[in-house]
Amino acid sequence: MAKTTSPRKPRATATIAATPRLPKQIQAVIDAVRDKKATGLVVLDLRKAGAFTDFFVICTGANPRQVQAIADALDEMDQEMAAGREPLPCDRLFHLRIAEATGNGALVHVIKLLWDERTGPLFSRLEHHYDSPGLWQTAMTEHRKVLESIAAHDPDAARAAMQRHLDHAYKRFSKGWNARTSPDAADGRQRGASRRAAG
């Protein structure tokens, strides 16, 4: 009787940069990220570089729970838009969920700070210059591209999709600010300039 074997799943590979023997703590980190199905694992030995740390462990990963949390934020955003409400809190949640999935606490903190500015009193007073339902729909399409790339475990595509989204958001803000200057505001500036010239 012929013996059959089931194919093994490929295990995450590790590139160890010229390190004959790793400390137990680093090996424990490697084992932990492998258990989490991380890919693209690289360990950099910085002991001779005089850096602020001895090792960097770099890897890529997106577990189903994190991907689902990002998807849930987008679903909430869809629901808010369908109800005619501004989806800003859900937009914030989408970006926070991505930052949290990195496991980088400093990045999460920075994203929170940026969003606190985005929802601060000054920004709220300027919002009417660039916000519209059409712009939110475009942002949602961009968000979906980011999510698709993360779910496909394609970090390069996810990074590129997020960069496009941020670039487009900046352009939308700039264009909206310039295009939505009201005629009354322009007339007011003209009258003020005339008064200053006459005074």
Protein backbone atom coordinates (compact mmCIF):
# COMPACT_ATOMS: atom_id res chain seq x y z
CA MET A 1 0.00 0.00 0.00
CA ALA A 2 1.42 3.34 -1.05
CA LYS A 3 2.01 5.85 1.69
CA THR A 4 0.47 9.27 1.09
CA THR A 5 1.63 12.43 2.71
CA SER A 6 -0.19 15.71 2.82
CA PRO A 7 1.79 18.68 1.51
CA ARG A 8 3.23 20.86 4.22
CA LYS A 9 2.43 24.51 4.37
CA PRO A 10 5.47 26.63 3.64
CA ARG A 11 6.88 28.08 6.81
CA ALA A 12 7.89 31.73 7.10
CA THR A 13 11.51 32.04 6.13
CA ALA A 14 14.00 34.03 8.12
CA THR A 15 17.02 35.88 6.86
CA ILE A 16 19.55 36.12 9.64
CA ALA A 17 22.17 38.76 8.89
CA ALA A 18 25.60 37.25 9.68
CA THR A 19 24.71 36.15 13.18
CA PRO A 20 26.29 32.86 14.27
CA ARG A 21 24.22 32.58 17.45
CA LEU A 22 21.19 34.53 18.59
CA PRO A 23 20.36 35.34 22.20
CA LYS A 24 17.45 33.39 23.70
CA GLN A 25 15.24 36.51 23.80
CA ILE A 26 15.65 37.10 20.07
CA GLN A 27 15.01 33.44 19.28
CA ALA A 28 11.85 33.67 21.39
CA VAL A 29 10.71 36.69 19.33
CA ILE A 30 11.39 34.78 16.10
CA ASP A 31 9.41 31.79 17.35
CA ALA A 32 6.53 34.04 18.42
CA VAL A 33 6.24 35.84 15.08
CA ARG A 34 6.46 32.54 13.21
CA ASP A 35 3.59 31.24 15.34
CA LYS A 36 1.62 34.34 14.28
CA LYS A 37 2.24 33.41 10.62
CA ALA A 38 4.50 36.38 9.95
CA THR A 39 6.26 36.48 6.60
CA GLY A 40 9.40 38.17 5.31
CA LEU A 41 11.19 37.71 8.63
CA VAL A 42 14.56 39.50 8.86
CA VAL A 43 16.80 39.81 11.92
CA LEU A 44 19.41 42.58 11.89
CA ASP A 45 22.35 42.28 14.27
CA LEU A 46 23.28 45.82 15.28
CA ARG A 47 25.57 45.01 18.19
CA LYS A 48 28.68 46.20 16.35
CA ALA A 49 27.01 49.26 14.87
CA GLY A 50 26.80 51.12 18.17
CA ALA A 51 23.07 51.60 17.65
CA PHE A 52 20.48 52.25 20.33
CA THR A 53 19.46 48.57 20.23
CA ASP A 54 21.21 45.23 19.68
CA PHE A 55 18.75 43.65 17.23
CA PHE A 56 15.91 44.59 14.92
CA VAL A 57 13.35 41.92 14.11
CA ILE A 58 11.36 42.91 11.02
CA CYS A 59 8.44 40.97 9.58
CA THR A 60 5.10 41.30 7.85
CA GLY A 61 1.84 39.99 9.16
CA ALA A 62 -1.89 40.52 9.17
CA ASN A 63 -3.98 38.17 11.21
CA PRO A 64 -7.66 37.60 10.39
CA ARG A 65 -8.84 39.38 13.55
CA GLN A 66 -6.97 42.56 12.60
CA VAL A 67 -8.15 42.42 8.99
CA GLN A 68 -11.73 41.97 10.23
CA ALA A 69 -11.40 44.97 12.58
CA ILE A 70 -10.31 47.14 9.63
CA ALA A 71 -13.19 45.80 7.51
CA ASP A 72 -15.65 46.48 10.35
CA ALA A 73 -14.50 50.11 10.50
CA LEU A 74 -15.22 50.45 6.76
CA ASP A 75 -18.64 48.81 7.16
CA GLU A 76 -19.48 51.33 9.89
CA MET A 77 -18.30 54.10 7.59
CA ASP A 78 -20.62 52.82 4.84
CA GLN A 79 -23.56 52.75 7.27
CA GLU A 80 -22.91 56.31 8.44
CA MET A 81 -22.74 57.57 4.87
CA ALA A 82 -25.93 55.69 3.92
CA ALA A 83 -27.69 57.37 6.86
CA GLY A 84 -26.53 60.79 5.62
CA ARG A 85 -24.12 61.32 8.50
CA GLU A 86 -20.52 62.39 8.26
CA PRO A 87 -18.37 59.27 8.75
CA LEU A 88 -15.40 61.04 10.31
CA PRO A 89 -15.28 58.88 13.52
CA CYS A 90 -15.30 55.72 11.37
CA ASP A 91 -12.59 57.14 9.11
CA ARG A 92 -10.48 57.73 12.21
CA LEU A 93 -11.18 54.16 13.36
CA PHE A 94 -10.11 52.75 9.97
CA HIS A 95 -6.72 54.48 10.18
CA LEU A 96 -6.29 53.54 13.85
CA ARG A 97 -7.05 49.86 13.17
CA ILE A 98 -4.32 49.78 10.52
CA ALA A 99 -1.84 51.42 12.88
CA GLU A 100 -2.79 48.99 15.68
CA ALA A 101 -2.23 46.03 13.33
CA THR A 102 1.42 47.04 12.99
CA GLY A 103 2.00 46.49 16.71
CA ASN A 104 3.84 49.82 16.72
CA GLY A 105 2.61 51.78 19.74
CA ALA A 106 4.42 54.95 18.65
CA LEU A 107 2.62 54.90 15.29
CA VAL A 108 -0.75 54.45 17.02
CA HIS A 109 0.04 57.44 19.24
CA VAL A 110 0.99 59.62 16.25
CA ILE A 111 -2.18 58.65 14.35
CA LYS A 112 -4.28 59.55 17.40
CA LEU A 113 -2.55 62.92 17.69
CA LEU A 114 -3.10 63.68 14.01
CA TRP A 115 -6.76 62.76 14.27
CA ASP A 116 -7.18 64.88 17.39
CA GLU A 117 -5.96 67.81 15.29
CA ARG A 118 -8.28 66.77 12.45
CA THR A 119 -11.27 66.91 14.79
CA GLY A 120 -10.14 69.97 16.73
CA PRO A 121 -12.01 73.29 16.79
CA LEU A 122 -9.94 74.99 14.08
CA PHE A 123 -10.29 72.12 11.64
CA SER A 124 -14.02 71.88 12.35
CA ARG A 125 -14.46 75.53 11.38
CA LEU A 126 -12.63 74.95 8.08
CA GLU A 127 -14.37 71.69 7.16
CA HIS A 128 -17.09 73.22 5.01
CA HIS A 129 -14.41 74.37 2.56
CA TYR A 130 -13.60 70.86 1.33
CA ASP A 131 -16.04 68.24 2.66
CA SER A 132 -18.72 66.69 0.42
CA PRO A 133 -20.47 63.30 0.03
CA GLY A 134 -18.64 62.76 -3.27
CA LEU A 135 -15.28 63.16 -1.59
CA TRP A 136 -16.24 60.65 1.09
CA GLN A 137 -17.23 58.12 -1.61
CA THR A 138 -13.83 58.56 -3.26
CA ALA A 139 -12.10 58.09 0.10
CA MET A 140 -14.11 54.89 0.68
CA THR A 141 -12.95 53.47 -2.66
CA GLU A 142 -9.36 54.21 -1.68
CA HIS A 143 -9.89 52.65 1.76
CA ARG A 144 -11.20 49.46 0.14
CA LYS A 145 -8.04 49.20 -2.00
CA VAL A 146 -5.91 49.44 1.15
CA LEU A 147 -7.98 46.77 2.89
CA GLU A 148 -7.86 44.42 -0.13
CA SER A 149 -4.05 44.63 -0.19
CA ILE A 150 -3.76 44.02 3.57
CA ALA A 151 -6.14 41.04 3.36
CA ALA A 152 -4.06 39.64 0.47
CA HIS A 153 -0.91 39.90 2.64
CA ASP A 154 0.67 42.19 0.05
CA PRO A 155 2.56 44.85 2.04
CA ASP A 156 3.93 46.62 -1.04
CA ALA A 157 0.47 47.01 -2.56
CA ALA A 158 -0.98 48.09 0.81
CA ARG A 159 1.76 50.68 1.27
CA ALA A 160 1.24 52.00 -2.27
CA ALA A 161 -2.56 52.11 -1.84
CA MET A 162 -2.25 54.01 1.44
CA GLN A 163 0.25 56.44 -0.07
CA ARG A 164 -2.14 57.10 -2.99
CA HIS A 165 -4.99 57.64 -0.52
CA LEU A 166 -2.98 60.14 1.53
CA ASP A 167 -1.77 61.96 -1.59
CA HIS A 168 -5.32 62.17 -2.93
CA ALA A 169 -6.65 63.34 0.45
CA TYR A 170 -4.08 66.15 0.45
CA LYS A 171 -5.04 67.15 -3.10
CA ARG A 172 -8.76 67.03 -2.25
CA PHE A 173 -8.18 69.26 0.74
CA SER A 174 -6.08 71.74 -1.24
CA LYS A 175 -8.43 71.79 -4.23
CA GLY A 176 -11.52 72.05 -2.05
CA TRP A 177 -10.02 74.93 -0.10
CA ASN A 178 -9.21 76.92 -3.25
CA ALA A 179 -12.37 76.02 -5.19
CA ARG A 180 -14.86 76.74 -2.41
CA THR A 181 -13.92 80.32 -1.73
CA SER A 182 -17.32 81.97 -1.88
CA PRO A 183 -17.99 85.05 -4.06
CA ASP A 184 -19.12 86.90 -0.92
CA ALA A 185 -15.80 86.18 0.77
CA ALA A 186 -13.93 87.30 -2.36
CA ASP A 187 -16.05 90.51 -2.49
CA GLY A 188 -15.32 91.11 1.18
CA ARG A 189 -11.59 90.78 0.60
CA GLN A 190 -11.81 93.13 -2.38
CA ARG A 191 -13.73 95.74 -0.36
CA GLY A 192 -11.20 95.45 2.47
CA ALA A 193 -8.33 95.89 0.04
CA SER A 194 -10.04 98.95 -1.49
CA ARG A 195 -10.56 100.49 1.94
CA ARG A 196 -6.92 99.90 2.86
CA ALA A 197 -5.77 101.42 -0.43
CA ALA A 198 -8.05 104.40 0.08
CA GLY A 199 -7.10 104.83 3.74
